[in-house]
Amino acid sequence: MRRLNASLIGIDQGNVEVFSEFANGGDMWTGRGARERRKEIRFSEPFRAPPTVQVSLSLWDMDQGANVRADLLAENITETGFELVFRTWSDTRVARVRMSWLAIGEVTSEDDWQLY
């Protein structure tokens, strides 16, 4: 369990389009080629240490002719940002995806300072 100093908790959030490929015949829509998309996210201000990040789908536009398969991840989390990851496989065809994220962690205080 992660314990946070209650007076220094910061929450940042966002909602971003990860990709939209149905109009241009991209790999996610055709079901061929790379089946992973990454989106770099930057926090509005740095956290004191890498925060806990929760991700979810806020829009998914999938072809109804196959099973819906998706893997959602937050990877490479640092104090300043992370990579939002969407993966699919097999015959799943994805037109577009929008994902939401929520980061919770300790933030710096104006009383924090370093001499050197």
PDB file of N, CA and C in Angstrom:
ATOM      1  N   MET A   1       0.839  -1.174   0.000  1.00  0.00           N
ATOM      2  CA  MET A   1       0.000   0.000   0.000  1.00  0.00           C
ATOM      3  C   MET A   1       0.882   1.234   0.000  1.00  0.00           C
ATOM      4  N   ARG A   2       0.490   2.189  -0.769  1.00  0.00           N
ATOM      5  CA  ARG A   2       1.222   3.445  -0.818  1.00  0.00           C
ATOM      6  C   ARG A   2       0.601   4.419   0.169  1.00  0.00           C
ATOM      7  N   ARG A   3       1.399   5.033   1.009  1.00  0.00           N
ATOM      8  CA  ARG A   3       0.914   6.016   1.972  1.00  0.00           C
ATOM      9  C   ARG A   3       1.377   7.402   1.541  1.00  0.00           C
ATOM     10  N   LEU A   4       0.444   8.352   1.584  1.00  0.00           N
ATOM     11  CA  LEU A   4       0.729   9.707   1.142  1.00  0.00           C
ATOM     12  C   LEU A   4       0.574  10.683   2.291  1.00  0.00           C
ATOM     13  N   ASN A   5       1.368  11.731   2.283  1.00  0.00           N
ATOM     14  CA  ASN A   5       1.227  12.816   3.230  1.00  0.00           C
ATOM     15  C   ASN A   5      -0.021  13.602   2.814  1.00  0.00           C
ATOM     16  N   ALA A   6      -1.059  13.579   3.625  1.00  0.00           N
ATOM     17  CA  ALA A   6      -2.372  14.108   3.248  1.00  0.00           C
ATOM     18  C   ALA A   6      -2.349  15.587   2.859  1.00  0.00           C
ATOM     19  N   SER A   7      -1.467  16.356   3.394  1.00  0.00           N
ATOM     20  CA  SER A   7      -1.451  17.779   3.061  1.00  0.00           C
ATOM     21  C   SER A   7      -0.769  18.060   1.726  1.00  0.00           C
ATOM     22  N   LEU A   8      -0.163  17.038   1.122  1.00  0.00           N
ATOM     23  CA  LEU A   8       0.571  17.235  -0.119  1.00  0.00           C
ATOM     24  C   LEU A   8       0.071  16.351  -1.253  1.00  0.00           C
ATOM     25  N   ILE A   9      -1.205  16.003  -1.261  1.00  0.00           N
ATOM     26  CA  ILE A   9      -1.739  15.139  -2.312  1.00  0.00           C
ATOM     27  C   ILE A   9      -2.149  15.989  -3.508  1.00  0.00           C
ATOM     28  N   GLY A  10      -1.685  15.571  -4.687  1.00  0.00           N
ATOM     29  CA  GLY A  10      -2.053  16.234  -5.924  1.00  0.00           C
ATOM     30  C   GLY A  10      -2.815  15.263  -6.819  1.00  0.00           C
ATOM     31  N   ILE A  11      -3.793  15.778  -7.533  1.00  0.00           N
ATOM     32  CA  ILE A  11      -4.570  14.971  -8.473  1.00  0.00           C
ATOM     33  C   ILE A  11      -4.560  15.701  -9.809  1.00  0.00           C
ATOM     34  N   ASP A  12      -4.191  14.975 -10.858  1.00  0.00           N
ATOM     35  CA  ASP A  12      -4.221  15.521 -12.208  1.00  0.00           C
ATOM     36  C   ASP A  12      -5.026  14.547 -13.060  1.00  0.00           C
ATOM     37  N   GLN A  13      -5.682  15.032 -14.085  1.00  0.00           N
ATOM     38  CA  GLN A  13      -6.496  14.144 -14.914  1.00  0.00           C
ATOM     39  C   GLN A  13      -6.574  14.681 -16.332  1.00  0.00           C
ATOM     40  N   GLY A  14      -6.971  13.798 -17.244  1.00  0.00           N
ATOM     41  CA  GLY A  14      -7.111  14.204 -18.629  1.00  0.00           C
ATOM     42  C   GLY A  14      -7.931  13.206 -19.428  1.00  0.00           C
ATOM     43  N   ASN A  15      -8.269  13.596 -20.627  1.00  0.00           N
ATOM     44  CA  ASN A  15      -9.051  12.784 -21.550  1.00  0.00           C
ATOM     45  C   ASN A  15      -8.490  13.082 -22.940  1.00  0.00           C
ATOM     46  N   VAL A  16      -7.871  12.090 -23.597  1.00  0.00           N
ATOM     47  CA  VAL A  16      -7.191  12.338 -24.868  1.00  0.00           C
ATOM     48  C   VAL A  16      -7.565  11.305 -25.923  1.00  0.00           C
ATOM     49  N   GLU A  17      -7.622  11.767 -27.154  1.00  0.00           N
ATOM     50  CA  GLU A  17      -7.796  10.837 -28.258  1.00  0.00           C
ATOM     51  C   GLU A  17      -6.454  10.160 -28.504  1.00  0.00           C
ATOM     52  N   VAL A  18      -6.447   8.841 -28.445  1.00  0.00           N
ATOM     53  CA  VAL A  18      -5.214   8.089 -28.649  1.00  0.00           C
ATOM     54  C   VAL A  18      -4.986   7.885 -30.149  1.00  0.00           C
ATOM     55  N   PHE A  19      -6.038   7.580 -30.899  1.00  0.00           N
ATOM     56  CA  PHE A  19      -5.945   7.480 -32.350  1.00  0.00           C
ATOM     57  C   PHE A  19      -7.339   7.486 -32.963  1.00  0.00           C
ATOM     58  N   SER A  20      -7.366   7.788 -34.266  1.00  0.00           N
ATOM     59  CA  SER A  20      -8.575   7.717 -35.070  1.00  0.00           C
ATOM     60  C   SER A  20      -8.124   7.268 -36.461  1.00  0.00           C
ATOM     61  N   GLU A  21      -8.424   6.018 -36.834  1.00  0.00           N
ATOM     62  CA  GLU A  21      -7.836   5.456 -38.052  1.00  0.00           C
ATOM     63  C   GLU A  21      -8.843   4.975 -39.084  1.00  0.00           C
ATOM     64  N   PHE A  22     -10.135   5.107 -38.837  1.00  0.00           N
ATOM     65  CA  PHE A  22     -11.098   4.575 -39.803  1.00  0.00           C
ATOM     66  C   PHE A  22     -11.120   5.381 -41.094  1.00  0.00           C
ATOM     67  N   ALA A  23     -10.905   6.681 -41.038  1.00  0.00           N
ATOM     68  CA  ALA A  23     -10.979   7.527 -42.225  1.00  0.00           C
ATOM     69  C   ALA A  23      -9.796   7.308 -43.171  1.00  0.00           C
ATOM     70  N   ASN A  24      -8.617   6.985 -42.609  1.00  0.00           N
ATOM     71  CA  ASN A  24      -7.428   6.844 -43.451  1.00  0.00           C
ATOM     72  C   ASN A  24      -6.987   5.393 -43.642  1.00  0.00           C
ATOM     73  N   GLY A  25      -7.780   4.425 -43.175  1.00  0.00           N
ATOM     74  CA  GLY A  25      -7.437   3.017 -43.367  1.00  0.00           C
ATOM     75  C   GLY A  25      -6.206   2.577 -42.612  1.00  0.00           C
ATOM     76  N   GLY A  26      -6.011   3.106 -41.389  1.00  0.00           N
ATOM     77  CA  GLY A  26      -4.843   2.761 -40.580  1.00  0.00           C
ATOM     78  C   GLY A  26      -4.860   1.313 -40.099  1.00  0.00           C
ATOM     79  N   ASP A  27      -3.729   0.880 -39.557  1.00  0.00           N
ATOM     80  CA  ASP A  27      -3.532  -0.512 -39.116  1.00  0.00           C
ATOM     81  C   ASP A  27      -4.570  -0.982 -38.111  1.00  0.00           C
ATOM     82  N   MET A  28      -4.967  -0.124 -37.191  1.00  0.00           N
ATOM     83  CA  MET A  28      -5.946  -0.542 -36.185  1.00  0.00           C
ATOM     84  C   MET A  28      -7.291  -0.866 -36.834  1.00  0.00           C
ATOM     85  N   TRP A  29      -7.651  -0.117 -37.876  1.00  0.00           N
ATOM     86  CA  TRP A  29      -8.932  -0.340 -38.530  1.00  0.00           C
ATOM     87  C   TRP A  29      -8.886  -1.505 -39.519  1.00  0.00           C
ATOM     88  N   THR A  30      -7.779  -1.670 -40.216  1.00  0.00           N
ATOM     89  CA  THR A  30      -7.687  -2.761 -41.186  1.00  0.00           C
ATOM     90  C   THR A  30      -7.369  -4.091 -40.510  1.00  0.00           C
ATOM     91  N   GLY A  31      -6.817  -4.044 -39.293  1.00  0.00           N
ATOM     92  CA  GLY A  31      -6.456  -5.280 -38.582  1.00  0.00           C
ATOM     93  C   GLY A  31      -5.113  -5.835 -39.002  1.00  0.00           C
ATOM     94  N   ARG A  32      -4.313  -5.050 -39.690  1.00  0.00           N
ATOM     95  CA  ARG A  32      -2.980  -5.484 -40.119  1.00  0.00           C
ATOM     96  C   ARG A  32      -1.945  -4.513 -39.563  1.00  0.00           C
ATOM     97  N   GLY A  33      -0.733  -5.001 -39.388  1.00  0.00           N
ATOM     98  CA  GLY A  33       0.357  -4.130 -38.945  1.00  0.00           C
ATOM     99  C   GLY A  33       0.372  -3.948 -37.440  1.00  0.00           C
ATOM    100  N   ALA A  34       0.958  -2.827 -37.022  1.00  0.00           N
ATOM    101  CA  ALA A  34       1.134  -2.539 -35.585  1.00  0.00           C
ATOM    102  C   ALA A  34      -0.222  -2.447 -34.898  1.00  0.00           C
ATOM    103  N   ARG A  35      -0.380  -3.139 -33.787  1.00  0.00           N
ATOM    104  CA  ARG A  35      -1.659  -3.165 -33.070  1.00  0.00           C
ATOM    105  C   ARG A  35      -1.527  -2.517 -31.700  1.00  0.00           C
ATOM    106  N   GLU A  36      -0.598  -1.597 -31.590  1.00  0.00           N
ATOM    107  CA  GLU A  36      -0.386  -0.867 -30.341  1.00  0.00           C
ATOM    108  C   GLU A  36      -0.226   0.608 -30.670  1.00  0.00           C
ATOM    109  N   ARG A  37      -0.823   1.443 -29.842  1.00  0.00           N
ATOM    110  CA  ARG A  37      -0.649   2.890 -29.959  1.00  0.00           C
ATOM    111  C   ARG A  37      -0.279   3.435 -28.594  1.00  0.00           C
ATOM    112  N   ARG A  38       0.638   4.404 -28.599  1.00  0.00           N
ATOM    113  CA  ARG A  38       1.105   5.065 -27.387  1.00  0.00           C
ATOM    114  C   ARG A  38       0.904   6.567 -27.527  1.00  0.00           C
ATOM    115  N   LYS A  39       0.580   7.181 -26.408  1.00  0.00           N
ATOM    116  CA  LYS A  39       0.400   8.632 -26.379  1.00  0.00           C
ATOM    117  C   LYS A  39       1.147   9.157 -25.160  1.00  0.00           C
ATOM    118  N   GLU A  40       2.060  10.073 -25.389  1.00  0.00           N
ATOM    119  CA  GLU A  40       2.815  10.651 -24.280  1.00  0.00           C
ATOM    120  C   GLU A  40       1.955  11.685 -23.571  1.00  0.00           C
ATOM    121  N   ILE A  41       1.894  11.564 -22.255  1.00  0.00           N
ATOM    122  CA  ILE A  41       1.110  12.471 -21.417  1.00  0.00           C
ATOM    123  C   ILE A  41       2.065  13.214 -20.483  1.00  0.00           C
ATOM    124  N   ARG A  42       1.888  14.511 -20.377  1.00  0.00           N
ATOM    125  CA  ARG A  42       2.662  15.335 -19.444  1.00  0.00           C
ATOM    126  C   ARG A  42       1.711  15.879 -18.383  1.00  0.00           C
ATOM    127  N   PHE A  43       2.093  15.758 -17.120  1.00  0.00           N
ATOM    128  CA  PHE A  43       1.278  16.298 -16.039  1.00  0.00           C
ATOM    129  C   PHE A  43       1.335  17.821 -16.068  1.00  0.00           C
ATOM    130  N   SER A  44       0.297  18.460 -15.508  1.00  0.00           N
ATOM    131  CA  SER A  44       0.253  19.921 -15.506  1.00  0.00           C
ATOM    132  C   SER A  44       1.350  20.517 -14.625  1.00  0.00           C
ATOM    133  N   GLU A  45       1.801  19.756 -13.637  1.00  0.00           N
ATOM    134  CA  GLU A  45       2.982  20.109 -12.853  1.00  0.00           C
ATOM    135  C   GLU A  45       3.570  18.817 -12.291  1.00  0.00           C
ATOM    136  N   PRO A  46       4.865  18.823 -11.975  1.00  0.00           N
ATOM    137  CA  PRO A  46       5.500  17.579 -11.518  1.00  0.00           C
ATOM    138  C   PRO A  46       4.993  17.120 -10.155  1.00  0.00           C
ATOM    139  N   PHE A  47       4.989  15.811  -9.972  1.00  0.00           N
ATOM    140  CA  PHE A  47       4.739  15.207  -8.667  1.00  0.00           C
ATOM    141  C   PHE A  47       6.081  15.058  -7.956  1.00  0.00           C
ATOM    142  N   ARG A  48       6.045  14.834  -6.663  1.00  0.00           N
ATOM    143  CA  ARG A  48       7.269  14.637  -5.878  1.00  0.00           C
ATOM    144  C   ARG A  48       7.942  13.315  -6.245  1.00  0.00           C
ATOM    145  N   ALA A  49       7.144  12.286  -6.529  1.00  0.00           N
ATOM    146  CA  ALA A  49       7.609  10.961  -6.938  1.00  0.00           C
ATOM    147  C   ALA A  49       6.601  10.460  -7.981  1.00  0.00           C
ATOM    148  N   PRO A  50       6.932   9.406  -8.710  1.00  0.00           N
ATOM    149  CA  PRO A  50       5.954   8.901  -9.681  1.00  0.00           C
ATOM    150  C   PRO A  50       4.611   8.604  -9.009  1.00  0.00           C
ATOM    151  N   PRO A  51       3.528   9.169  -9.533  1.00  0.00           N
ATOM    152  CA  PRO A  51       2.208   8.980  -8.921  1.00  0.00           C
ATOM    153  C   PRO A  51       1.592   7.640  -9.310  1.00  0.00           C
ATOM    154  N   THR A  52       0.481   7.317  -8.708  1.00  0.00           N
ATOM    155  CA  THR A  52      -0.345   6.194  -9.131  1.00  0.00           C
ATOM    156  C   THR A  52      -1.228   6.704 -10.265  1.00  0.00           C
ATOM    157  N   VAL A  53      -1.276   5.963 -11.379  1.00  0.00           N
ATOM    158  CA  VAL A  53      -2.053   6.393 -12.548  1.00  0.00           C
ATOM    159  C   VAL A  53      -3.079   5.329 -12.890  1.00  0.00           C
ATOM    160  N   GLN A  54      -4.318   5.750 -13.039  1.00  0.00           N
ATOM    161  CA  GLN A  54      -5.434   4.882 -13.439  1.00  0.00           C
ATOM    162  C   GLN A  54      -5.873   5.311 -14.835  1.00  0.00           C
ATOM    163  N   VAL A  55      -6.074   4.340 -15.740  1.00  0.00           N
ATOM    164  CA  VAL A  55      -6.529   4.661 -17.092  1.00  0.00           C
ATOM    165  C   VAL A  55      -7.833   3.926 -17.395  1.00  0.00           C
ATOM    166  N   SER A  56      -8.638   4.508 -18.278  1.00  0.00           N
ATOM    167  CA  SER A  56      -9.892   3.877 -18.687  1.00  0.00           C
ATOM    168  C   SER A  56     -10.261   4.354 -20.093  1.00  0.00           C
ATOM    169  N   LEU A  57     -11.144   3.613 -20.728  1.00  0.00           N
ATOM    170  CA  LEU A  57     -11.667   4.011 -22.035  1.00  0.00           C
ATOM    171  C   LEU A  57     -12.797   5.014 -21.829  1.00  0.00           C
ATOM    172  N   SER A  58     -12.759   6.113 -22.564  1.00  0.00           N
ATOM    173  CA  SER A  58     -13.875   7.051 -22.527  1.00  0.00           C
ATOM    174  C   SER A  58     -14.626   7.036 -23.857  1.00  0.00           C
ATOM    175  N   LEU A  59     -13.993   6.493 -24.905  1.00  0.00           N
ATOM    176  CA  LEU A  59     -14.667   6.274 -26.182  1.00  0.00           C
ATOM    177  C   LEU A  59     -13.964   5.127 -26.877  1.00  0.00           C
ATOM    178  N   TRP A  60     -14.741   4.173 -27.363  1.00  0.00           N
ATOM    179  CA  TRP A  60     -14.170   3.142 -28.226  1.00  0.00           C
ATOM    180  C   TRP A  60     -15.143   2.876 -29.339  1.00  0.00           C
ATOM    181  N   ASP A  61     -14.623   2.890 -30.533  1.00  0.00           N
ATOM    182  CA  ASP A  61     -15.407   2.680 -31.732  1.00  0.00           C
ATOM    183  C   ASP A  61     -14.823   1.435 -32.394  1.00  0.00           C
ATOM    184  N   MET A  62     -15.527   0.305 -32.223  1.00  0.00           N
ATOM    185  CA  MET A  62     -15.023  -0.994 -32.670  1.00  0.00           C
ATOM    186  C   MET A  62     -15.926  -1.581 -33.743  1.00  0.00           C
ATOM    187  N   ASP A  63     -15.340  -2.376 -34.625  1.00  0.00           N
ATOM    188  CA  ASP A  63     -16.098  -3.119 -35.611  1.00  0.00           C
ATOM    189  C   ASP A  63     -16.872  -4.224 -34.903  1.00  0.00           C
ATOM    190  N   GLN A  64     -18.123  -4.425 -35.273  1.00  0.00           N
ATOM    191  CA  GLN A  64     -18.966  -5.415 -34.606  1.00  0.00           C
ATOM    192  C   GLN A  64     -18.758  -6.831 -35.143  1.00  0.00           C
ATOM    193  N   GLY A  65     -17.918  -7.006 -36.177  1.00  0.00           N
ATOM    194  CA  GLY A  65     -17.746  -8.311 -36.797  1.00  0.00           C
ATOM    195  C   GLY A  65     -16.764  -9.234 -36.104  1.00  0.00           C
ATOM    196  N   ALA A  66     -16.150  -8.816 -35.009  1.00  0.00           N
ATOM    197  CA  ALA A  66     -15.167  -9.651 -34.294  1.00  0.00           C
ATOM    198  C   ALA A  66     -15.271  -9.379 -32.801  1.00  0.00           C
ATOM    199  N   ASN A  67     -14.603 -10.203 -32.028  1.00  0.00           N
ATOM    200  CA  ASN A  67     -14.557  -9.975 -30.587  1.00  0.00           C
ATOM    201  C   ASN A  67     -13.844  -8.661 -30.281  1.00  0.00           C
ATOM    202  N   VAL A  68     -14.284  -8.003 -29.239  1.00  0.00           N
ATOM    203  CA  VAL A  68     -13.643  -6.773 -28.779  1.00  0.00           C
ATOM    204  C   VAL A  68     -12.527  -7.160 -27.815  1.00  0.00           C
ATOM    205  N   ARG A  69     -11.303  -6.773 -28.163  1.00  0.00           N
ATOM    206  CA  ARG A  69     -10.139  -7.097 -27.339  1.00  0.00           C
ATOM    207  C   ARG A  69      -9.344  -5.815 -27.114  1.00  0.00           C
ATOM    208  N   ALA A  70      -8.998  -5.541 -25.874  1.00  0.00           N
ATOM    209  CA  ALA A  70      -8.219  -4.332 -25.594  1.00  0.00           C
ATOM    210  C   ALA A  70      -7.426  -4.515 -24.308  1.00  0.00           C
ATOM    211  N   ASP A  71      -6.240  -3.955 -24.320  1.00  0.00           N
ATOM    212  CA  ASP A  71      -5.371  -3.918 -23.152  1.00  0.00           C
ATOM    213  C   ASP A  71      -4.995  -2.457 -22.951  1.00  0.00           C
ATOM    214  N   LEU A  72      -5.316  -1.891 -21.785  1.00  0.00           N
ATOM    215  CA  LEU A  72      -5.057  -0.484 -21.473  1.00  0.00           C
ATOM    216  C   LEU A  72      -4.008  -0.409 -20.383  1.00  0.00           C
ATOM    217  N   LEU A  73      -2.999   0.428 -20.574  1.00  0.00           N
ATOM    218  CA  LEU A  73      -1.909   0.522 -19.608  1.00  0.00           C
ATOM    219  C   LEU A  73      -1.407   1.950 -19.456  1.00  0.00           C
ATOM    220  N   ALA A  74      -0.836   2.220 -18.302  1.00  0.00           N
ATOM    221  CA  ALA A  74      -0.012   3.408 -18.089  1.00  0.00           C
ATOM    222  C   ALA A  74       1.397   2.869 -17.873  1.00  0.00           C
ATOM    223  N   GLU A  75       2.320   3.219 -18.755  1.00  0.00           N
ATOM    224  CA  GLU A  75       3.687   2.716 -18.657  1.00  0.00           C
ATOM    225  C   GLU A  75       4.674   3.870 -18.546  1.00  0.00           C
ATOM    226  N   ASN A  76       5.866   3.545 -18.058  1.00  0.00           N
ATOM    227  CA  ASN A  76       6.962   4.514 -17.942  1.00  0.00           C
ATOM    228  C   ASN A  76       6.529   5.760 -17.161  1.00  0.00           C
ATOM    229  N   ILE A  77       5.913   5.525 -16.013  1.00  0.00           N
ATOM    230  CA  ILE A  77       5.418   6.622 -15.179  1.00  0.00           C
ATOM    231  C   ILE A  77       6.591   7.297 -14.472  1.00  0.00           C
ATOM    232  N   THR A  78       6.667   8.616 -14.607  1.00  0.00           N
ATOM    233  CA  THR A  78       7.679   9.416 -13.917  1.00  0.00           C
ATOM    234  C   THR A  78       6.984  10.547 -13.171  1.00  0.00           C
ATOM    235  N   GLU A  79       7.762  11.404 -12.549  1.00  0.00           N
ATOM    236  CA  GLU A  79       7.221  12.555 -11.838  1.00  0.00           C
ATOM    237  C   GLU A  79       6.550  13.545 -12.787  1.00  0.00           C
ATOM    238  N   THR A  80       6.933  13.538 -14.058  1.00  0.00           N
ATOM    239  CA  THR A  80       6.441  14.548 -14.999  1.00  0.00           C
ATOM    240  C   THR A  80       5.449  14.025 -16.039  1.00  0.00           C
ATOM    241  N   GLY A  81       5.289  12.694 -16.144  1.00  0.00           N
ATOM    242  CA  GLY A  81       4.358  12.174 -17.130  1.00  0.00           C
ATOM    243  C   GLY A  81       4.421  10.667 -17.261  1.00  0.00           C
ATOM    244  N   PHE A  82       3.787  10.153 -18.317  1.00  0.00           N
ATOM    245  CA  PHE A  82       3.744   8.710 -18.560  1.00  0.00           C
ATOM    246  C   PHE A  82       3.316   8.455 -19.999  1.00  0.00           C
ATOM    247  N   GLU A  83       3.326   7.187 -20.391  1.00  0.00           N
ATOM    248  CA  GLU A  83       2.832   6.791 -21.700  1.00  0.00           C
ATOM    249  C   GLU A  83       1.509   6.061 -21.537  1.00  0.00           C
ATOM    250  N   LEU A  84       0.509   6.544 -22.231  1.00  0.00           N
ATOM    251  CA  LEU A  84      -0.804   5.911 -22.294  1.00  0.00           C
ATOM    252  C   LEU A  84      -0.727   4.872 -23.414  1.00  0.00           C
ATOM    253  N   VAL A  85      -1.096   3.616 -23.123  1.00  0.00           N
ATOM    254  CA  VAL A  85      -0.928   2.539 -24.087  1.00  0.00           C
ATOM    255  C   VAL A  85      -2.263   1.839 -24.335  1.00  0.00           C
ATOM    256  N   PHE A  86      -2.579   1.639 -25.625  1.00  0.00           N
ATOM    257  CA  PHE A  86      -3.728   0.851 -26.047  1.00  0.00           C
ATOM    258  C   PHE A  86      -3.206  -0.253 -26.953  1.00  0.00           C
ATOM    259  N   ARG A  87      -3.589  -1.504 -26.654  1.00  0.00           N
ATOM    260  CA  ARG A  87      -3.202  -2.642 -27.482  1.00  0.00           C
ATOM    261  C   ARG A  87      -4.424  -3.476 -27.815  1.00  0.00           C
ATOM    262  N   THR A  88      -4.410  -4.059 -29.009  1.00  0.00           N
ATOM    263  CA  THR A  88      -5.409  -5.053 -29.383  1.00  0.00           C
ATOM    264  C   THR A  88      -4.715  -6.139 -30.184  1.00  0.00           C
ATOM    265  N   TRP A  89      -5.429  -7.203 -30.518  1.00  0.00           N
ATOM    266  CA  TRP A  89      -4.808  -8.328 -31.219  1.00  0.00           C
ATOM    267  C   TRP A  89      -5.874  -9.107 -31.985  1.00  0.00           C
ATOM    268  N   SER A  90      -5.392 -10.113 -32.692  1.00  0.00           N
ATOM    269  CA  SER A  90      -6.218 -11.020 -33.481  1.00  0.00           C
ATOM    270  C   SER A  90      -7.007 -10.241 -34.532  1.00  0.00           C
ATOM    271  N   ASP A  91      -8.299 -10.534 -34.708  1.00  0.00           N
ATOM    272  CA  ASP A  91      -9.082  -9.914 -35.778  1.00  0.00           C
ATOM    273  C   ASP A  91      -9.879  -8.688 -35.329  1.00  0.00           C
ATOM    274  N   THR A  92      -9.626  -8.203 -34.130  1.00  0.00           N
ATOM    275  CA  THR A  92     -10.323  -7.013 -33.640  1.00  0.00           C
ATOM    276  C   THR A  92      -9.949  -5.809 -34.505  1.00  0.00           C
ATOM    277  N   ARG A  93     -10.960  -5.066 -34.906  1.00  0.00           N
ATOM    278  CA  ARG A  93     -10.756  -3.856 -35.709  1.00  0.00           C
ATOM    279  C   ARG A  93     -11.250  -2.653 -34.910  1.00  0.00           C
ATOM    280  N   VAL A  94     -10.376  -1.658 -34.779  1.00  0.00           N
ATOM    281  CA  VAL A  94     -10.672  -0.491 -33.949  1.00  0.00           C
ATOM    282  C   VAL A  94     -10.611   0.765 -34.812  1.00  0.00           C
ATOM    283  N   ALA A  95     -11.702   1.513 -34.828  1.00  0.00           N
ATOM    284  CA  ALA A  95     -11.747   2.756 -35.603  1.00  0.00           C
ATOM    285  C   ALA A  95     -11.085   3.903 -34.848  1.00  0.00           C
ATOM    286  N   ARG A  96     -11.443   4.048 -33.572  1.00  0.00           N
ATOM    287  CA  ARG A  96     -10.864   5.133 -32.775  1.00  0.00           C
ATOM    288  C   ARG A  96     -11.011   4.833 -31.292  1.00  0.00           C
ATOM    289  N   VAL A  97     -10.131   5.467 -30.531  1.00  0.00           N
ATOM    290  CA  VAL A  97     -10.106   5.284 -29.078  1.00  0.00           C
ATOM    291  C   VAL A  97      -9.769   6.609 -28.417  1.00  0.00           C
ATOM    292  N   ARG A  98     -10.520   6.917 -27.363  1.00  0.00           N
ATOM    293  CA  ARG A  98     -10.201   8.035 -26.480  1.00  0.00           C
ATOM    294  C   ARG A  98     -10.083   7.441 -25.082  1.00  0.00           C
ATOM    295  N   MET A  99      -9.065   7.878 -24.344  1.00  0.00           N
ATOM    296  CA  MET A  99      -8.840   7.339 -23.004  1.00  0.00           C
ATOM    297  C   MET A  99      -8.771   8.466 -21.984  1.00  0.00           C
ATOM    298  N   SER A 100      -9.266   8.155 -20.794  1.00  0.00           N
ATOM    299  CA  SER A 100      -9.165   9.070 -19.657  1.00  0.00           C
ATOM    300  C   SER A 100      -8.095   8.558 -18.713  1.00  0.00           C
ATOM    301  N   TRP A 101      -7.501   9.460 -17.968  1.00  0.00           N
ATOM    302  CA  TRP A 101      -6.497   9.071 -16.989  1.00  0.00           C
ATOM    303  C   TRP A 101      -6.633   9.944 -15.745  1.00  0.00           C
ATOM    304  N   LEU A 102      -6.187   9.371 -14.634  1.00  0.00           N
ATOM    305  CA  LEU A 102      -6.210  10.047 -13.339  1.00  0.00           C
ATOM    306  C   LEU A 102      -4.917   9.708 -12.617  1.00  0.00           C
ATOM    307  N   ALA A 103      -4.188  10.720 -12.205  1.00  0.00           N
ATOM    308  CA  ALA A 103      -2.930  10.531 -11.475  1.00  0.00           C
ATOM    309  C   ALA A 103      -3.074  11.111 -10.073  1.00  0.00           C
ATOM    310  N   ILE A 104      -2.671  10.317  -9.080  1.00  0.00           N
ATOM    311  CA  ILE A 104      -2.744  10.746  -7.682  1.00  0.00           C
ATOM    312  C   ILE A 104      -1.393  10.485  -7.036  1.00  0.00           C
ATOM    313  N   GLY A 105      -0.842  11.513  -6.407  1.00  0.00           N
ATOM    314  CA  GLY A 105       0.449  11.348  -5.752  1.00  0.00           C
ATOM    315  C   GLY A 105       0.814  12.570  -4.940  1.00  0.00           C
ATOM    316  N   GLU A 106       1.962  12.496  -4.309  1.00  0.00           N
ATOM    317  CA  GLU A 106       2.438  13.628  -3.515  1.00  0.00           C
ATOM    318  C   GLU A 106       3.016  14.699  -4.423  1.00  0.00           C
ATOM    319  N   VAL A 107       2.740  15.945  -4.074  1.00  0.00           N
ATOM    320  CA  VAL A 107       3.295  17.087  -4.804  1.00  0.00           C
ATOM    321  C   VAL A 107       4.245  17.845  -3.887  1.00  0.00           C
ATOM    322  N   THR A 108       5.034  18.694  -4.486  1.00  0.00           N
ATOM    323  CA  THR A 108       5.970  19.474  -3.678  1.00  0.00           C
ATOM    324  C   THR A 108       5.236  20.609  -2.980  1.00  0.00           C
ATOM    325  N   SER A 109       5.840  21.100  -1.948  1.00  0.00           N
ATOM    326  CA  SER A 109       5.296  22.211  -1.171  1.00  0.00           C
ATOM    327  C   SER A 109       6.197  23.414  -1.364  1.00  0.00           C
ATOM    328  N   GLU A 110       5.653  24.600  -1.159  1.00  0.00           N
ATOM    329  CA  GLU A 110       6.501  25.797  -1.251  1.00  0.00           C
ATOM    330  C   GLU A 110       7.552  25.795  -0.142  1.00  0.00           C
ATOM    331  N   ASP A 111       7.367  24.954   0.878  1.00  0.00           N
ATOM    332  CA  ASP A 111       8.365  24.836   1.947  1.00  0.00           C
ATOM    333  C   ASP A 111       9.504  23.894   1.585  1.00  0.00           C
ATOM    334  N   ASP A 112       9.382  23.176   0.461  1.00  0.00           N
ATOM    335  CA  ASP A 112      10.463  22.294   0.004  1.00  0.00           C
ATOM    336  C   ASP A 112      11.532  23.151  -0.673  1.00  0.00           C
ATOM    337  N   TRP A 113      12.785  22.906  -0.327  1.00  0.00           N
ATOM    338  CA  TRP A 113      13.865  23.604  -0.976  1.00  0.00           C
ATOM    339  C   TRP A 113      15.145  22.804  -0.799  1.00  0.00           C
ATOM    340  N   GLN A 114      16.071  23.039  -1.684  1.00  0.00           N
ATOM    341  CA  GLN A 114      17.376  22.377  -1.635  1.00  0.00           C
ATOM    342  C   GLN A 114      18.470  23.431  -1.690  1.00  0.00           C
ATOM    343  N   LEU A 115      19.504  23.235  -0.903  1.00  0.00           N
ATOM    344  CA  LEU A 115      20.618  24.164  -0.918  1.00  0.00           C
ATOM    345  C   LEU A 115      21.452  23.998  -2.182  1.00  0.00           C
ATOM    346  N   TYR A 116      21.660  22.737  -2.597  1.00  0.00           N
ATOM    347  CA  TYR A 116      22.532  22.497  -3.748  1.00  0.00           C
ATOM    348  C   TYR A 116      21.868  21.543  -4.686  1.00  0.00           C
TER     349      TYR A 116
END
